[in-house]
Amino acid sequence: MIFALATSLLILTVLVLVMFILTKGSRLKQWIVYLVVPFLLFNIGFSWHTVHEMLGQATISLPKGKFDVMSVSKNGEKLYIVVKQQEQDEPTFHAIPNTEKNKKQLEKAQKMLKKNIPIKGEFTLEQSEAELSLYQWDHQKAMPKGSPNP
């Protein structure tokens, strides 16, 4: 949908430029140039900015305390994690430091998430570098049968 918007704006720009070329020598051309071209340039720039904002960006800050791991991803040299903290209602998208331990933890998390195993995690500071610690959440121990719902 977003890319359809960007493509349609580019097609509109090309069509307007073709229209300018075909109407050369007309008085109307001067007014169209002064009104339409700035409007088109504004719309193209605004749409480009909107597309990038809608795609989203990872935050560099790390989540505080313990959190539920929703998704993990490795994109080249960058490591990403989507987490849901207990005190927040929505998940957040974080870029994490690219260390060997974090890579191993993400690979372990990917395998566990594919098997639908709930994962909890937290960040610890080791040697001035944030390290991800993941562990399997034992839901049977945390919420045994017969216990009242929270």
C-alpha atoms as a PDB file:
ATOM      1  CA  MET A   1       0.000   0.000   0.000  1.00  0.00           C
ATOM      2  CA  ILE A   2       2.754   2.422   0.914  1.00  0.00           C
ATOM      3  CA  PHE A   3       4.736   1.596  -2.195  1.00  0.00           C
ATOM      4  CA  ALA A   4       1.597   2.021  -4.330  1.00  0.00           C
ATOM      5  CA  LEU A   5       1.315   5.562  -2.941  1.00  0.00           C
ATOM      6  CA  ALA A   6       4.923   6.368  -3.788  1.00  0.00           C
ATOM      7  CA  THR A   7       4.594   4.841  -7.265  1.00  0.00           C
ATOM      8  CA  SER A   8       1.395   6.720  -8.001  1.00  0.00           C
ATOM      9  CA  LEU A   9       3.021  10.016  -7.008  1.00  0.00           C
ATOM     10  CA  LEU A  10       5.934   9.348  -9.336  1.00  0.00           C
ATOM     11  CA  ILE A  11       3.541   8.523 -12.177  1.00  0.00           C
ATOM     12  CA  LEU A  12       1.594  11.733 -11.445  1.00  0.00           C
ATOM     13  CA  THR A  13       4.812  13.721 -11.613  1.00  0.00           C
ATOM     14  CA  VAL A  14       5.741  12.216 -14.975  1.00  0.00           C
ATOM     15  CA  LEU A  15       2.254  12.898 -16.343  1.00  0.00           C
ATOM     16  CA  VAL A  16       2.373  16.542 -15.232  1.00  0.00           C
ATOM     17  CA  LEU A  17       5.797  16.994 -16.821  1.00  0.00           C
ATOM     18  CA  VAL A  18       4.523  15.475 -20.071  1.00  0.00           C
ATOM     19  CA  MET A  19       1.542  17.830 -19.915  1.00  0.00           C
ATOM     20  CA  PHE A  20       3.903  20.791 -19.570  1.00  0.00           C
ATOM     21  CA  ILE A  21       5.834  19.697 -22.627  1.00  0.00           C
ATOM     22  CA  LEU A  22       2.680  19.206 -24.727  1.00  0.00           C
ATOM     23  CA  THR A  23       1.168  22.604 -23.768  1.00  0.00           C
ATOM     24  CA  LYS A  24       4.177  24.736 -24.663  1.00  0.00           C
ATOM     25  CA  GLY A  25       3.279  28.162 -25.944  1.00  0.00           C
ATOM     26  CA  SER A  26       0.018  28.309 -24.008  1.00  0.00           C
ATOM     27  CA  ARG A  27      -0.738  31.065 -21.510  1.00  0.00           C
ATOM     28  CA  LEU A  28      -2.081  28.500 -19.078  1.00  0.00           C
ATOM     29  CA  LYS A  29       1.351  26.946 -18.784  1.00  0.00           C
ATOM     30  CA  GLN A  30       2.760  29.799 -16.687  1.00  0.00           C
ATOM     31  CA  TRP A  31       0.024  29.537 -14.052  1.00  0.00           C
ATOM     32  CA  ILE A  32       0.255  25.772 -13.941  1.00  0.00           C
ATOM     33  CA  VAL A  33       3.996  25.954 -13.404  1.00  0.00           C
ATOM     34  CA  TYR A  34       3.650  28.400 -10.511  1.00  0.00           C
ATOM     35  CA  LEU A  35       0.830  26.479  -8.826  1.00  0.00           C
ATOM     36  CA  VAL A  36       1.275  22.809  -9.633  1.00  0.00           C
ATOM     37  CA  VAL A  37       5.043  22.290  -9.478  1.00  0.00           C
ATOM     38  CA  PRO A  38       5.507  23.517  -5.865  1.00  0.00           C
ATOM     39  CA  PHE A  39       2.438  21.522  -4.825  1.00  0.00           C
ATOM     40  CA  LEU A  40       3.801  18.396  -6.505  1.00  0.00           C
ATOM     41  CA  LEU A  41       7.241  18.804  -4.953  1.00  0.00           C
ATOM     42  CA  PHE A  42       5.686  19.264  -1.517  1.00  0.00           C
ATOM     43  CA  ASN A  43       3.526  16.141  -1.959  1.00  0.00           C
ATOM     44  CA  ILE A  44       6.443  14.035  -3.142  1.00  0.00           C
ATOM     45  CA  GLY A  45       8.619  15.093  -0.208  1.00  0.00           C
ATOM     46  CA  PHE A  46       5.813  14.688   2.309  1.00  0.00           C
ATOM     47  CA  SER A  47       4.906  11.259   0.946  1.00  0.00           C
ATOM     48  CA  TRP A  48       8.535  10.130   1.088  1.00  0.00           C
ATOM     49  CA  HIS A  49       8.759  11.238   4.712  1.00  0.00           C
ATOM     50  CA  THR A  50       5.433   9.519   5.539  1.00  0.00           C
ATOM     51  CA  VAL A  51       6.521   6.259   3.931  1.00  0.00           C
ATOM     52  CA  HIS A  52       9.699   6.143   6.008  1.00  0.00           C
ATOM     53  CA  GLU A  53       7.847   6.994   9.211  1.00  0.00           C
ATOM     54  CA  MET A  54       5.229   4.308   8.590  1.00  0.00           C
ATOM     55  CA  LEU A  55       7.877   1.651   8.004  1.00  0.00           C
ATOM     56  CA  GLY A  56       9.195   2.327  11.501  1.00  0.00           C
ATOM     57  CA  GLN A  57      12.649   2.333  12.996  1.00  0.00           C
ATOM     58  CA  ALA A  58      14.156   0.440  15.867  1.00  0.00           C
ATOM     59  CA  THR A  59      14.920   2.338  19.029  1.00  0.00           C
ATOM     60  CA  ILE A  60      18.495   2.179  20.289  1.00  0.00           C
ATOM     61  CA  SER A  61      17.487   2.249  23.959  1.00  0.00           C
ATOM     62  CA  LEU A  62      17.268  -1.138  25.628  1.00  0.00           C
ATOM     63  CA  PRO A  63      14.200  -2.345  27.539  1.00  0.00           C
ATOM     64  CA  LYS A  64      14.419  -2.141  31.326  1.00  0.00           C
ATOM     65  CA  GLY A  65      13.836  -5.162  33.530  1.00  0.00           C
ATOM     66  CA  LYS A  66      12.354  -8.450  32.388  1.00  0.00           C
ATOM     67  CA  PHE A  67      10.309  -8.719  29.213  1.00  0.00           C
ATOM     68  CA  ASP A  68       8.557 -11.205  26.952  1.00  0.00           C
ATOM     69  CA  VAL A  69      10.292 -11.855  23.627  1.00  0.00           C
ATOM     70  CA  MET A  70       7.861 -11.573  20.714  1.00  0.00           C
ATOM     71  CA  SER A  71      10.220 -11.752  17.719  1.00  0.00           C
ATOM     72  CA  VAL A  72      13.916 -11.614  16.840  1.00  0.00           C
ATOM     73  CA  SER A  73      15.706 -10.807  13.597  1.00  0.00           C
ATOM     74  CA  LYS A  74      19.215 -10.601  12.180  1.00  0.00           C
ATOM     75  CA  ASN A  75      19.618  -8.250   9.237  1.00  0.00           C
ATOM     76  CA  GLY A  76      23.226  -8.357   8.085  1.00  0.00           C
ATOM     77  CA  GLU A  77      25.274  -6.812  10.853  1.00  0.00           C
ATOM     78  CA  LYS A  78      22.277  -5.516  12.811  1.00  0.00           C
ATOM     79  CA  LEU A  79      20.341  -7.426  15.473  1.00  0.00           C
ATOM     80  CA  TYR A  80      16.721  -6.613  16.282  1.00  0.00           C
ATOM     81  CA  ILE A  81      14.287  -7.763  18.935  1.00  0.00           C
ATOM     82  CA  VAL A  82      10.588  -7.090  19.517  1.00  0.00           C
ATOM     83  CA  VAL A  83       9.668  -7.263  23.192  1.00  0.00           C
ATOM     84  CA  LYS A  84       6.638  -6.666  25.374  1.00  0.00           C
ATOM     85  CA  GLN A  85       7.373  -5.358  28.817  1.00  0.00           C
ATOM     86  CA  GLN A  86       4.987  -6.291  31.615  1.00  0.00           C
ATOM     87  CA  GLU A  87       4.035  -2.713  32.454  1.00  0.00           C
ATOM     88  CA  GLN A  88       3.358  -1.749  28.822  1.00  0.00           C
ATOM     89  CA  ASP A  89       0.412  -2.669  26.640  1.00  0.00           C
ATOM     90  CA  GLU A  90       2.182  -2.710  23.283  1.00  0.00           C
ATOM     91  CA  PRO A  91       5.388  -4.332  22.018  1.00  0.00           C
ATOM     92  CA  THR A  92       8.466  -2.244  21.212  1.00  0.00           C
ATOM     93  CA  PHE A  93      11.124  -2.675  18.509  1.00  0.00           C
ATOM     94  CA  HIS A  94      14.787  -2.458  19.634  1.00  0.00           C
ATOM     95  CA  ALA A  95      18.187  -2.606  17.939  1.00  0.00           C
ATOM     96  CA  ILE A  96      20.610  -4.470  20.187  1.00  0.00           C
ATOM     97  CA  PRO A  97      24.431  -4.531  20.248  1.00  0.00           C
ATOM     98  CA  ASN A  98      26.035  -6.902  17.755  1.00  0.00           C
ATOM     99  CA  THR A  99      28.089  -9.224  19.963  1.00  0.00           C
ATOM    100  CA  GLU A 100      28.760 -12.948  19.692  1.00  0.00           C
ATOM    101  CA  LYS A 101      26.744 -13.705  22.825  1.00  0.00           C
ATOM    102  CA  ASN A 102      23.765 -11.721  21.531  1.00  0.00           C
ATOM    103  CA  LYS A 103      23.944 -13.524  18.169  1.00  0.00           C
ATOM    104  CA  LYS A 104      23.888 -16.903  19.917  1.00  0.00           C
ATOM    105  CA  GLN A 105      20.994 -15.817  22.120  1.00  0.00           C
ATOM    106  CA  LEU A 106      19.008 -14.651  19.070  1.00  0.00           C
ATOM    107  CA  GLU A 107      19.604 -17.955  17.263  1.00  0.00           C
ATOM    108  CA  LYS A 108      18.420 -19.808  20.362  1.00  0.00           C
ATOM    109  CA  ALA A 109      15.373 -17.534  20.588  1.00  0.00           C
ATOM    110  CA  GLN A 110      14.489 -18.085  16.916  1.00  0.00           C
ATOM    111  CA  LYS A 111      14.466 -21.847  17.426  1.00  0.00           C
ATOM    112  CA  MET A 112      12.326 -21.561  20.559  1.00  0.00           C
ATOM    113  CA  LEU A 113       9.872 -19.143  18.943  1.00  0.00           C
ATOM    114  CA  LYS A 114       9.425 -21.483  15.957  1.00  0.00           C
ATOM    115  CA  LYS A 115       8.351 -24.170  18.448  1.00  0.00           C
ATOM    116  CA  ASN A 116       5.960 -21.675  20.149  1.00  0.00           C
ATOM    117  CA  ILE A 117       7.879 -21.792  23.418  1.00  0.00           C
ATOM    118  CA  PRO A 118       7.327 -18.618  25.491  1.00  0.00           C
ATOM    119  CA  ILE A 119      10.585 -16.770  26.189  1.00  0.00           C
ATOM    120  CA  LYS A 120      11.456 -14.158  28.772  1.00  0.00           C
ATOM    121  CA  GLY A 121      14.601 -12.085  28.752  1.00  0.00           C
ATOM    122  CA  GLU A 122      16.542  -9.224  30.247  1.00  0.00           C
ATOM    123  CA  PHE A 123      19.659  -7.207  29.477  1.00  0.00           C
ATOM    124  CA  THR A 124      22.711  -7.217  31.710  1.00  0.00           C
ATOM    125  CA  LEU A 125      25.773  -5.006  31.438  1.00  0.00           C
ATOM    126  CA  GLU A 126      28.959  -7.003  31.001  1.00  0.00           C
ATOM    127  CA  GLN A 127      32.202  -5.195  30.254  1.00  0.00           C
ATOM    128  CA  SER A 128      30.311  -1.985  29.337  1.00  0.00           C
ATOM    129  CA  GLU A 129      28.348  -3.885  26.664  1.00  0.00           C
ATOM    130  CA  ALA A 130      24.683  -4.885  26.976  1.00  0.00           C
ATOM    131  CA  GLU A 131      24.264  -8.657  26.840  1.00  0.00           C
ATOM    132  CA  LEU A 132      20.932 -10.358  26.234  1.00  0.00           C
ATOM    133  CA  SER A 133      19.948 -13.160  28.625  1.00  0.00           C
ATOM    134  CA  LEU A 134      17.030 -15.359  27.572  1.00  0.00           C
ATOM    135  CA  TYR A 135      15.271 -18.120  29.446  1.00  0.00           C
ATOM    136  CA  GLN A 136      12.222 -20.269  28.904  1.00  0.00           C
ATOM    137  CA  TRP A 137       9.206 -19.155  30.871  1.00  0.00           C
ATOM    138  CA  ASP A 138       7.815 -22.034  32.880  1.00  0.00           C
ATOM    139  CA  HIS A 139       4.128 -21.175  32.694  1.00  0.00           C
ATOM    140  CA  GLN A 140       3.076 -24.339  34.532  1.00  0.00           C
ATOM    141  CA  LYS A 141       5.141 -23.346  37.553  1.00  0.00           C
ATOM    142  CA  ALA A 142       4.062 -19.699  37.420  1.00  0.00           C
ATOM    143  CA  MET A 143       0.359 -20.519  36.973  1.00  0.00           C
ATOM    144  CA  PRO A 144      -0.413 -24.031  38.249  1.00  0.00           C
ATOM    145  CA  LYS A 145      -3.774 -25.671  37.625  1.00  0.00           C
ATOM    146  CA  GLY A 146      -6.434 -24.672  40.113  1.00  0.00           C
ATOM    147  CA  SER A 147      -4.829 -21.312  40.927  1.00  0.00           C
ATOM    148  CA  PRO A 148      -7.120 -18.277  40.699  1.00  0.00           C
ATOM    149  CA  ASN A 149      -6.739 -16.161  37.569  1.00  0.00           C
ATOM    150  CA  PRO A 150      -4.861 -12.897  38.127  1.00  0.00           C
END
